[in-house]
Amino acid sequence: MSDPTVEMSSKELAELITDYLEGALPAAERQRLEEHMRGCPGCQTYLEQMQQTIRTIGRLSEETIPPVAREQLLQVFRGWKKK
């Protein structure tokens, strides 16, 4: 675990944002992340974008995705781990 007295970087925030949104960060990490966001407009925007993405994806179903787009997404995800 990181030292709660050390300032968080934007890169570190990006790595922890999923755990933050899922409520899975320890209290000290959550506090560091929230302190960083208070002074970093870029990370505030990143958090808002992630929240919007989650809301949008929550409304999607396989049937609502056009077949061509579905195949493109599957190809991207298949190649993701290979990089």
N, C-alpha and C. Protein backbone atom coordinates (compact mmCIF):
# COMPACT_ATOMS: atom_id res chain seq x y z
N MET A 1 0.85 -1.18 0.00
CA MET A 1 0.00 0.00 0.00
C MET A 1 0.88 1.23 0.00
N SER A 2 0.46 2.26 -0.66
CA SER A 2 1.21 3.51 -0.73
C SER A 2 1.10 4.26 0.59
N ASP A 3 2.10 5.10 0.83
CA ASP A 3 2.10 5.95 2.01
C ASP A 3 1.04 7.03 1.82
N PRO A 4 0.05 7.13 2.74
CA PRO A 4 -1.03 8.11 2.57
C PRO A 4 -0.56 9.56 2.62
N THR A 5 0.68 9.80 3.09
CA THR A 5 1.17 11.18 3.16
C THR A 5 1.83 11.61 1.86
N VAL A 6 2.03 10.68 0.94
CA VAL A 6 2.67 10.99 -0.33
C VAL A 6 1.61 11.37 -1.36
N GLU A 7 1.86 12.46 -2.08
CA GLU A 7 0.90 12.93 -3.08
C GLU A 7 0.76 11.91 -4.20
N MET A 8 -0.43 11.76 -4.69
CA MET A 8 -0.73 10.82 -5.76
C MET A 8 -0.49 11.48 -7.11
N SER A 9 0.04 10.73 -8.05
CA SER A 9 0.23 11.24 -9.40
C SER A 9 -1.01 10.93 -10.24
N SER A 10 -1.14 11.62 -11.36
CA SER A 10 -2.26 11.36 -12.26
C SER A 10 -2.19 9.94 -12.82
N LYS A 11 -0.99 9.45 -13.09
CA LYS A 11 -0.83 8.08 -13.60
C LYS A 11 -1.32 7.07 -12.56
N GLU A 12 -0.96 7.28 -11.32
CA GLU A 12 -1.40 6.38 -10.26
C GLU A 12 -2.92 6.42 -10.11
N LEU A 13 -3.50 7.61 -10.22
CA LEU A 13 -4.95 7.74 -10.15
C LEU A 13 -5.61 6.92 -11.25
N ALA A 14 -5.09 7.02 -12.46
CA ALA A 14 -5.66 6.28 -13.59
C ALA A 14 -5.63 4.78 -13.34
N GLU A 15 -4.60 4.31 -12.65
CA GLU A 15 -4.47 2.88 -12.36
C GLU A 15 -5.45 2.44 -11.26
N LEU A 16 -5.89 3.37 -10.43
CA LEU A 16 -6.75 3.02 -9.29
C LEU A 16 -8.22 3.38 -9.49
N ILE A 17 -8.55 4.03 -10.58
CA ILE A 17 -9.90 4.59 -10.74
C ILE A 17 -11.00 3.52 -10.71
N THR A 18 -10.74 2.35 -11.27
CA THR A 18 -11.75 1.29 -11.25
C THR A 18 -12.06 0.86 -9.82
N ASP A 19 -11.01 0.64 -9.04
CA ASP A 19 -11.23 0.26 -7.64
C ASP A 19 -11.96 1.38 -6.89
N TYR A 20 -11.63 2.62 -7.20
CA TYR A 20 -12.30 3.75 -6.58
C TYR A 20 -13.80 3.73 -6.89
N LEU A 21 -14.12 3.57 -8.16
CA LEU A 21 -15.53 3.58 -8.58
C LEU A 21 -16.30 2.39 -8.01
N GLU A 22 -15.61 1.28 -7.75
CA GLU A 22 -16.27 0.10 -7.20
C GLU A 22 -16.28 0.11 -5.67
N GLY A 23 -15.70 1.15 -5.07
CA GLY A 23 -15.66 1.24 -3.61
C GLY A 23 -14.71 0.23 -2.98
N ALA A 24 -13.68 -0.18 -3.74
CA ALA A 24 -12.77 -1.22 -3.28
C ALA A 24 -11.42 -0.69 -2.79
N LEU A 25 -11.25 0.62 -2.77
CA LEU A 25 -9.98 1.17 -2.29
C LEU A 25 -9.98 1.27 -0.77
N PRO A 26 -8.85 0.98 -0.16
CA PRO A 26 -8.73 1.23 1.29
C PRO A 26 -8.92 2.73 1.56
N ALA A 27 -9.35 3.06 2.75
CA ALA A 27 -9.67 4.44 3.10
C ALA A 27 -8.53 5.42 2.82
N ALA A 28 -7.30 5.04 3.15
CA ALA A 28 -6.16 5.94 2.94
C ALA A 28 -5.94 6.20 1.45
N GLU A 29 -6.07 5.18 0.62
CA GLU A 29 -5.91 5.35 -0.82
C GLU A 29 -7.03 6.21 -1.39
N ARG A 30 -8.25 5.97 -0.92
CA ARG A 30 -9.39 6.76 -1.37
C ARG A 30 -9.17 8.24 -1.03
N GLN A 31 -8.69 8.50 0.15
CA GLN A 31 -8.44 9.88 0.58
C GLN A 31 -7.37 10.52 -0.31
N ARG A 32 -6.28 9.80 -0.58
CA ARG A 32 -5.23 10.34 -1.45
C ARG A 32 -5.77 10.64 -2.84
N LEU A 33 -6.58 9.74 -3.37
CA LEU A 33 -7.15 9.92 -4.70
C LEU A 33 -8.06 11.15 -4.72
N GLU A 34 -8.92 11.28 -3.74
CA GLU A 34 -9.84 12.41 -3.69
C GLU A 34 -9.10 13.73 -3.50
N GLU A 35 -8.03 13.72 -2.70
CA GLU A 35 -7.22 14.93 -2.53
C GLU A 35 -6.57 15.33 -3.86
N HIS A 36 -6.07 14.34 -4.58
CA HIS A 36 -5.46 14.63 -5.88
C HIS A 36 -6.49 15.23 -6.84
N MET A 37 -7.67 14.64 -6.88
CA MET A 37 -8.69 15.13 -7.81
C MET A 37 -9.11 16.56 -7.50
N ARG A 38 -9.12 16.94 -6.23
CA ARG A 38 -9.51 18.31 -5.88
C ARG A 38 -8.61 19.34 -6.56
N GLY A 39 -7.36 18.98 -6.80
CA GLY A 39 -6.43 19.94 -7.39
C GLY A 39 -6.04 19.62 -8.82
N CYS A 40 -6.70 18.65 -9.45
CA CYS A 40 -6.30 18.25 -10.80
C CYS A 40 -7.53 18.18 -11.71
N PRO A 41 -7.79 19.25 -12.46
CA PRO A 41 -8.95 19.26 -13.36
C PRO A 41 -8.93 18.11 -14.38
N GLY A 42 -7.74 17.72 -14.85
CA GLY A 42 -7.65 16.63 -15.81
C GLY A 42 -8.17 15.32 -15.24
N CYS A 43 -7.83 15.05 -13.99
CA CYS A 43 -8.30 13.82 -13.35
C CYS A 43 -9.79 13.91 -13.00
N GLN A 44 -10.27 15.09 -12.69
CA GLN A 44 -11.70 15.26 -12.46
C GLN A 44 -12.46 14.92 -13.74
N THR A 45 -11.95 15.40 -14.87
CA THR A 45 -12.58 15.10 -16.16
C THR A 45 -12.50 13.61 -16.46
N TYR A 46 -11.36 12.99 -16.17
CA TYR A 46 -11.19 11.56 -16.40
C TYR A 46 -12.22 10.77 -15.59
N LEU A 47 -12.41 11.13 -14.33
CA LEU A 47 -13.40 10.46 -13.49
C LEU A 47 -14.80 10.63 -14.07
N GLU A 48 -15.15 11.83 -14.48
CA GLU A 48 -16.47 12.07 -15.08
C GLU A 48 -16.66 11.24 -16.35
N GLN A 49 -15.62 11.13 -17.16
CA GLN A 49 -15.71 10.33 -18.38
C GLN A 49 -15.92 8.85 -18.04
N MET A 50 -15.21 8.37 -17.04
CA MET A 50 -15.37 6.96 -16.64
C MET A 50 -16.78 6.72 -16.11
N GLN A 51 -17.31 7.65 -15.32
CA GLN A 51 -18.67 7.51 -14.80
C GLN A 51 -19.69 7.51 -15.93
N GLN A 52 -19.49 8.38 -16.92
CA GLN A 52 -20.40 8.42 -18.07
C GLN A 52 -20.31 7.13 -18.88
N THR A 53 -19.12 6.61 -19.04
CA THR A 53 -18.93 5.35 -19.76
C THR A 53 -19.68 4.22 -19.06
N ILE A 54 -19.57 4.16 -17.76
CA ILE A 54 -20.26 3.12 -16.98
C ILE A 54 -21.77 3.25 -17.13
N ARG A 55 -22.27 4.49 -17.07
CA ARG A 55 -23.72 4.69 -17.25
C ARG A 55 -24.17 4.25 -18.64
N THR A 56 -23.38 4.60 -19.65
CA THR A 56 -23.74 4.27 -21.03
C THR A 56 -23.68 2.76 -21.26
N ILE A 57 -22.63 2.14 -20.81
CA ILE A 57 -22.48 0.69 -21.00
C ILE A 57 -23.59 -0.06 -20.26
N GLY A 58 -24.01 0.46 -19.16
CA GLY A 58 -25.08 -0.18 -18.40
C GLY A 58 -26.39 -0.23 -19.17
N ARG A 59 -26.54 0.62 -20.17
CA ARG A 59 -27.76 0.65 -20.97
C ARG A 59 -27.65 -0.18 -22.24
N LEU A 60 -26.45 -0.69 -22.53
CA LEU A 60 -26.25 -1.46 -23.75
C LEU A 60 -26.56 -2.93 -23.53
N SER A 61 -27.07 -3.54 -24.56
CA SER A 61 -27.20 -5.00 -24.56
C SER A 61 -26.61 -5.49 -25.87
N GLU A 62 -26.33 -6.75 -25.94
CA GLU A 62 -25.74 -7.29 -27.16
C GLU A 62 -26.61 -7.00 -28.38
N GLU A 63 -27.91 -7.02 -28.18
CA GLU A 63 -28.85 -6.79 -29.29
C GLU A 63 -28.81 -5.36 -29.80
N THR A 64 -28.42 -4.40 -28.96
CA THR A 64 -28.41 -3.00 -29.38
C THR A 64 -27.14 -2.61 -30.13
N ILE A 65 -26.13 -3.48 -30.12
CA ILE A 65 -24.87 -3.18 -30.80
C ILE A 65 -24.95 -3.72 -32.23
N PRO A 66 -24.76 -2.86 -33.23
CA PRO A 66 -24.79 -3.34 -34.62
C PRO A 66 -23.74 -4.44 -34.81
N PRO A 67 -24.04 -5.45 -35.64
CA PRO A 67 -23.12 -6.58 -35.83
C PRO A 67 -21.69 -6.17 -36.22
N VAL A 68 -21.57 -5.17 -37.08
CA VAL A 68 -20.23 -4.73 -37.50
C VAL A 68 -19.47 -4.15 -36.30
N ALA A 69 -20.12 -3.31 -35.51
CA ALA A 69 -19.48 -2.72 -34.34
C ALA A 69 -19.13 -3.80 -33.31
N ARG A 70 -20.01 -4.78 -33.14
CA ARG A 70 -19.76 -5.87 -32.21
C ARG A 70 -18.51 -6.63 -32.62
N GLU A 71 -18.39 -6.95 -33.89
CA GLU A 71 -17.22 -7.69 -34.39
C GLU A 71 -15.94 -6.87 -34.21
N GLN A 72 -16.02 -5.56 -34.46
CA GLN A 72 -14.84 -4.70 -34.28
C GLN A 72 -14.41 -4.68 -32.81
N LEU A 73 -15.37 -4.57 -31.91
CA LEU A 73 -15.05 -4.60 -30.48
C LEU A 73 -14.41 -5.92 -30.09
N LEU A 74 -14.96 -7.00 -30.55
CA LEU A 74 -14.41 -8.32 -30.23
C LEU A 74 -12.98 -8.45 -30.74
N GLN A 75 -12.71 -7.94 -31.94
CA GLN A 75 -11.34 -8.00 -32.48
C GLN A 75 -10.37 -7.20 -31.61
N VAL A 76 -10.80 -6.03 -31.17
CA VAL A 76 -9.95 -5.20 -30.31
C VAL A 76 -9.66 -5.93 -29.02
N PHE A 77 -10.68 -6.50 -28.39
CA PHE A 77 -10.47 -7.19 -27.12
C PHE A 77 -9.63 -8.45 -27.28
N ARG A 78 -9.78 -9.14 -28.38
CA ARG A 78 -8.95 -10.34 -28.63
C ARG A 78 -7.48 -9.97 -28.74
N GLY A 79 -7.18 -8.85 -29.36
CA GLY A 79 -5.80 -8.42 -29.54
C GLY A 79 -5.23 -7.66 -28.38
N TRP A 80 -6.06 -7.29 -27.42
CA TRP A 80 -5.63 -6.46 -26.30
C TRP A 80 -4.52 -7.09 -25.50
N LYS A 81 -4.65 -8.32 -25.09
CA LYS A 81 -3.66 -8.99 -24.24
C LYS A 81 -2.37 -9.31 -25.00
N LYS A 82 -2.43 -9.33 -26.32
CA LYS A 82 -1.26 -9.66 -27.12
C LYS A 82 -0.25 -8.52 -27.18
N LYS A 83 -0.70 -7.32 -26.87
CA LYS A 83 0.18 -6.14 -26.97
C LYS A 83 1.09 -6.03 -25.77
